[in-house]
C-alpha atoms as a PDB file:
ATOM      1  CA  MET A   1     104.049 121.325  34.990  1.00  0.00           C
ATOM      2  CA  ALA A   2     102.956 118.196  36.878  1.00  0.00           C
ATOM      3  CA  ALA A   3     106.563 117.552  37.928  1.00  0.00           C
ATOM      4  CA  SER A   4     106.881 121.034  39.416  1.00  0.00           C
ATOM      5  CA  LEU A   5     103.697 120.595  41.527  1.00  0.00           C
ATOM      6  CA  SER A   6     104.521 117.130  42.820  1.00  0.00           C
ATOM      7  CA  SER A   7     107.818 118.273  44.350  1.00  0.00           C
ATOM      8  CA  PRO A   8     106.280 120.897  46.706  1.00  0.00           C
ATOM      9  CA  LEU A   9     103.439 118.512  47.562  1.00  0.00           C
ATOM     10  CA  ARG A  10     105.921 115.782  48.403  1.00  0.00           C
ATOM     11  CA  TYR A  11     107.796 118.129  50.732  1.00  0.00           C
ATOM     12  CA  CYS A  12     104.554 119.248  52.363  1.00  0.00           C
ATOM     13  CA  GLY A  13     103.525 115.627  52.870  1.00  0.00           C
ATOM     14  CA  ALA A  14     106.876 114.787  54.423  1.00  0.00           C
ATOM     15  CA  LEU A  15     106.636 117.837  56.668  1.00  0.00           C
ATOM     16  CA  VAL A  16     103.145 116.826  57.851  1.00  0.00           C
ATOM     17  CA  VAL A  17     104.364 113.309  58.682  1.00  0.00           C
ATOM     18  CA  LEU A  18     107.362 114.675  60.611  1.00  0.00           C
ATOM     19  CA  LEU A  19     105.243 117.146  62.546  1.00  0.00           C
ATOM     20  CA  ALA A  20     102.673 114.468  63.405  1.00  0.00           C
ATOM     21  CA  GLY A  21     105.433 112.176  64.636  1.00  0.00           C
ATOM     22  CA  ALA A  22     106.936 114.954  66.746  1.00  0.00           C
ATOM     23  CA  ALA A  23     103.537 115.792  68.221  1.00  0.00           C
ATOM     24  CA  LEU A  24     102.810 112.179  69.103  1.00  0.00           C
ATOM     25  CA  SER A  25     106.228 111.592  70.614  1.00  0.00           C
ATOM     26  CA  GLY A  26     105.730 114.680  72.753  1.00  0.00           C
ATOM     27  CA  CYS A  27     102.598 113.111  74.230  1.00  0.00           C
ATOM     28  CA  ALA A  28     104.565 110.194  75.652  1.00  0.00           C
ATOM     29  CA  GLY A  29     106.817 112.357  77.795  1.00  0.00           C
ATOM     30  CA  MET A  30     104.009 114.674  78.768  1.00  0.00           C
ATOM     31  CA  SER A  31     101.778 111.870  80.088  1.00  0.00           C
ATOM     32  CA  GLU A  32     103.909 111.384  83.197  1.00  0.00           C
ATOM     33  CA  THR A  33     103.296 114.926  84.447  1.00  0.00           C
ATOM     34  CA  VAL A  34      99.747 115.385  83.159  1.00  0.00           C
ATOM     35  CA  ALA A  35      98.415 111.999  84.308  1.00  0.00           C
ATOM     36  CA  PRO A  36      96.889 113.201  87.609  1.00  0.00           C
ATOM     37  CA  ALA A  37      94.858 115.782  85.679  1.00  0.00           C
ATOM     38  CA  PHE A  38      92.886 112.900  84.112  1.00  0.00           C
ATOM     39  CA  ALA A  39      91.859 111.359  87.453  1.00  0.00           C
ATOM     40  CA  ASP A  40      89.552 112.444  90.285  1.00  0.00           C
ATOM     41  CA  PRO A  41      91.833 113.834  93.025  1.00  0.00           C
ATOM     42  CA  GLY A  42      89.378 113.008  95.838  1.00  0.00           C
ATOM     43  CA  LYS A  43      88.635 109.448  94.771  1.00  0.00           C
ATOM     44  CA  TYR A  44      90.887 107.757  97.326  1.00  0.00           C
ATOM     45  CA  GLU A  45      90.451 110.143 100.256  1.00  0.00           C
ATOM     46  CA  LEU A  46      88.119 107.812 102.192  1.00  0.00           C
ATOM     47  CA  TYR A  47      89.788 104.518 101.257  1.00  0.00           C
ATOM     48  CA  ASP A  48      91.398 102.505 104.037  1.00  0.00           C
ATOM     49  CA  CYS A  49      94.708 100.682 103.569  1.00  0.00           C
ATOM     50  CA  LYS A  50      93.084  97.376 102.608  1.00  0.00           C
ATOM     51  CA  GLN A  51      91.006  99.077  99.882  1.00  0.00           C
ATOM     52  CA  LEU A  52      94.019 101.040  98.664  1.00  0.00           C
ATOM     53  CA  GLU A  53      96.116  97.887  98.439  1.00  0.00           C
ATOM     54  CA  ALA A  54      93.517  96.149  96.268  1.00  0.00           C
ATOM     55  CA  GLU A  55      93.067  99.259  94.098  1.00  0.00           C
ATOM     56  CA  ARG A  56      96.813  99.702  93.602  1.00  0.00           C
ATOM     57  CA  LYS A  57      97.170  96.068  92.484  1.00  0.00           C
ATOM     58  CA  SER A  58      94.242  96.454  90.102  1.00  0.00           C
ATOM     59  CA  LEU A  59      95.636  99.676  88.626  1.00  0.00           C
ATOM     60  CA  ALA A  60      99.108  98.148  88.227  1.00  0.00           C
ATOM     61  CA  SER A  61      97.581  95.208  86.366  1.00  0.00           C
ATOM     62  CA  ARG A  62      95.523  97.495  84.112  1.00  0.00           C
ATOM     63  CA  THR A  63      98.573  99.672  83.399  1.00  0.00           C
ATOM     64  CA  ALA A  64     100.601  96.609  82.404  1.00  0.00           C
ATOM     65  CA  ASP A  65      97.769  95.350  80.166  1.00  0.00           C
ATOM     66  CA  LEU A  66      97.480  98.702  78.387  1.00  0.00           C
ATOM     67  CA  GLN A  67     101.253  98.912  77.958  1.00  0.00           C
ATOM     68  CA  LYS A  68     101.274  95.454  76.343  1.00  0.00           C
ATOM     69  CA  LEU A  69      98.448  96.467  74.005  1.00  0.00           C
ATOM     70  CA  MET A  70     100.286  99.658  73.043  1.00  0.00           C
ATOM     71  CA  ASP A  71     103.519  97.753  72.423  1.00  0.00           C
ATOM     72  CA  LYS A  72     101.683  95.207  70.291  1.00  0.00           C
ATOM     73  CA  ALA A  73      99.908  97.919  68.289  1.00  0.00           C
ATOM     74  CA  GLU A  74     103.212  99.660  67.574  1.00  0.00           C
ATOM     75  CA  THR A  75     104.568  96.585  65.784  1.00  0.00           C
ATOM     76  CA  GLY A  76     102.093  96.949  62.917  1.00  0.00           C
ATOM     77  CA  THR A  77     101.911  99.408  60.055  1.00  0.00           C
ATOM     78  CA  GLY A  78     100.977 102.816  61.413  1.00  0.00           C
ATOM     79  CA  GLY A  79     101.164 101.285  64.868  1.00  0.00           C
ATOM     80  CA  ALA A  80     102.338 104.386  66.700  1.00  0.00           C
ATOM     81  CA  VAL A  81      99.264 106.282  65.547  1.00  0.00           C
ATOM     82  CA  VAL A  82      96.954 103.367  66.371  1.00  0.00           C
ATOM     83  CA  SER A  83      98.564 103.004  69.785  1.00  0.00           C
ATOM     84  CA  GLU A  84      98.125 106.693  70.549  1.00  0.00           C
ATOM     85  CA  LEU A  85      94.539 106.871  69.338  1.00  0.00           C
ATOM     86  CA  ALA A  86      93.309 103.601  70.813  1.00  0.00           C
ATOM     87  CA  TYR A  87      95.110 103.287  74.142  1.00  0.00           C
ATOM     88  CA  ARG A  88      96.956 106.439  75.225  1.00  0.00           C
ATOM     89  CA  ASN A  89      93.986 108.192  76.877  1.00  0.00           C
ATOM     90  CA  ASP A  90      93.108 105.125  78.947  1.00  0.00           C
ATOM     91  CA  TYR A  91      96.759 104.630  79.814  1.00  0.00           C
ATOM     92  CA  VAL A  92      97.155 108.229  81.002  1.00  0.00           C
ATOM     93  CA  ALA A  93      93.936 108.050  83.051  1.00  0.00           C
ATOM     94  CA  VAL A  94      94.957 104.779  84.722  1.00  0.00           C
ATOM     95  CA  ARG A  95      98.440 106.144  85.456  1.00  0.00           C
ATOM     96  CA  GLY A  96      96.853 109.244  87.002  1.00  0.00           C
ATOM     97  CA  SER A  97      94.614 107.122  89.211  1.00  0.00           C
ATOM     98  CA  ALA A  98      97.585 104.971  90.219  1.00  0.00           C
ATOM     99  CA  GLN A  99      99.581 108.049  91.158  1.00  0.00           C
ATOM    100  CA  LEU A 100      96.720 109.381  93.300  1.00  0.00           C
ATOM    101  CA  ALA A 101      96.261 105.959  94.953  1.00  0.00           C
ATOM    102  CA  ASP A 102     100.001 105.860  95.708  1.00  0.00           C
ATOM    103  CA  ASP A 103      99.797 109.349  97.232  1.00  0.00           C
ATOM    104  CA  ALA A 104      96.895 108.250  99.469  1.00  0.00           C
ATOM    105  CA  TRP A 105      98.858 105.088 100.362  1.00  0.00           C
ATOM    106  CA  ARG A 106     101.817 107.162 101.556  1.00  0.00           C
ATOM    107  CA  ARG A 107      99.610 109.717 103.303  1.00  0.00           C
ATOM    108  CA  ASN A 108      97.845 106.934 105.267  1.00  0.00           C
ATOM    109  CA  LYS A 109     101.224 105.298 106.040  1.00  0.00           C
ATOM    110  CA  CYS A 110      99.963 101.955 104.736  1.00  0.00           C
ATOM    111  CA  ARG A 111     102.068  98.795 104.594  1.00  0.00           C
ATOM    112  CA  GLU A 112     101.828  95.833 102.228  1.00  0.00           C
ATOM    113  CA  THR A 113      99.956  92.881 103.650  1.00  0.00           C
ATOM    114  CA  PRO A 114     102.481  90.084 104.153  1.00  0.00           C
ATOM    115  CA  PRO A 115     101.743  86.801 102.414  1.00  0.00           C
ATOM    116  CA  ASP A 116     100.060  84.197 104.590  1.00  0.00           C
ATOM    117  CA  ALA A 117     102.581  82.904 107.086  1.00  0.00           C
ATOM    118  CA  PRO A 118     102.989  79.139 107.309  1.00  0.00           C
ATOM    119  CA  PRO A 119     101.532  77.573 110.473  1.00  0.00           C
ATOM    120  CA  ALA A 120     105.027  76.521 111.590  1.00  0.00           C
ATOM    121  CA  ALA A 121     105.762  80.155 112.379  1.00  0.00           C
ATOM    122  CA  ALA A 122     103.401  79.953 115.369  1.00  0.00           C
ATOM    123  CA  ALA A 123     104.758  79.309 118.854  1.00  0.00           C
ATOM    124  CA  PRO A 124     105.875  75.697 119.330  1.00  0.00           C
ATOM    125  CA  GLN A 125     103.423  73.509 121.208  1.00  0.00           C
ATOM    126  CA  ARG A 126     104.271  70.866 123.754  1.00  0.00           C
ATOM    127  CA  PRO A 127     103.541  67.307 122.661  1.00  0.00           C
ATOM    128  CA  VAL A 128     100.513  65.676 124.216  1.00  0.00           C
ATOM    129  CA  ILE A 129     101.459  62.658 126.270  1.00  0.00           C
ATOM    130  CA  LYS A 130      98.741  60.071 126.744  1.00  0.00           C
ATOM    131  CA  PRO A 131      98.766  58.089 129.957  1.00  0.00           C
ATOM    132  CA  ALA A 132      99.642  54.419 129.636  1.00  0.00           C
ATOM    133  CA  PRO A 133      96.678  52.040 129.812  1.00  0.00           C
ATOM    134  CA  LYS A 134      96.202  50.278 133.165  1.00  0.00           C
ATOM    135  CA  ILE A 135      96.988  46.592 133.207  1.00  0.00           C
ATOM    136  CA  ARG A 136      94.875  44.363 135.478  1.00  0.00           C
END
């Protein structure tokens, strides 16, 4: 009798694992379209271009950090579940904020600040000529 019960339980267990995997994999594709729903849509309305540039860099850095943490978590046993539970919500929220900051950036027609130009790029200056000393 024990053998007949273990077979249906094994199939149910396998089905639960497959359904959980399908549900979690569905979250990854969904996060790209749902991300703005996890961020405040008016947060960047009053930001100027300089503030938006700093915020976009910060959000890009945070997104990359979270992605690295998720990738690292997925290498371990049960990593996909750990990655989803520990980092996915933060990742989706940061991506939503980044998308809203990018929208504000485009709306304000902002441009990236160029790196500091070397002083040689300035207009050339004439050399200073000192008068010769008088000989007596």
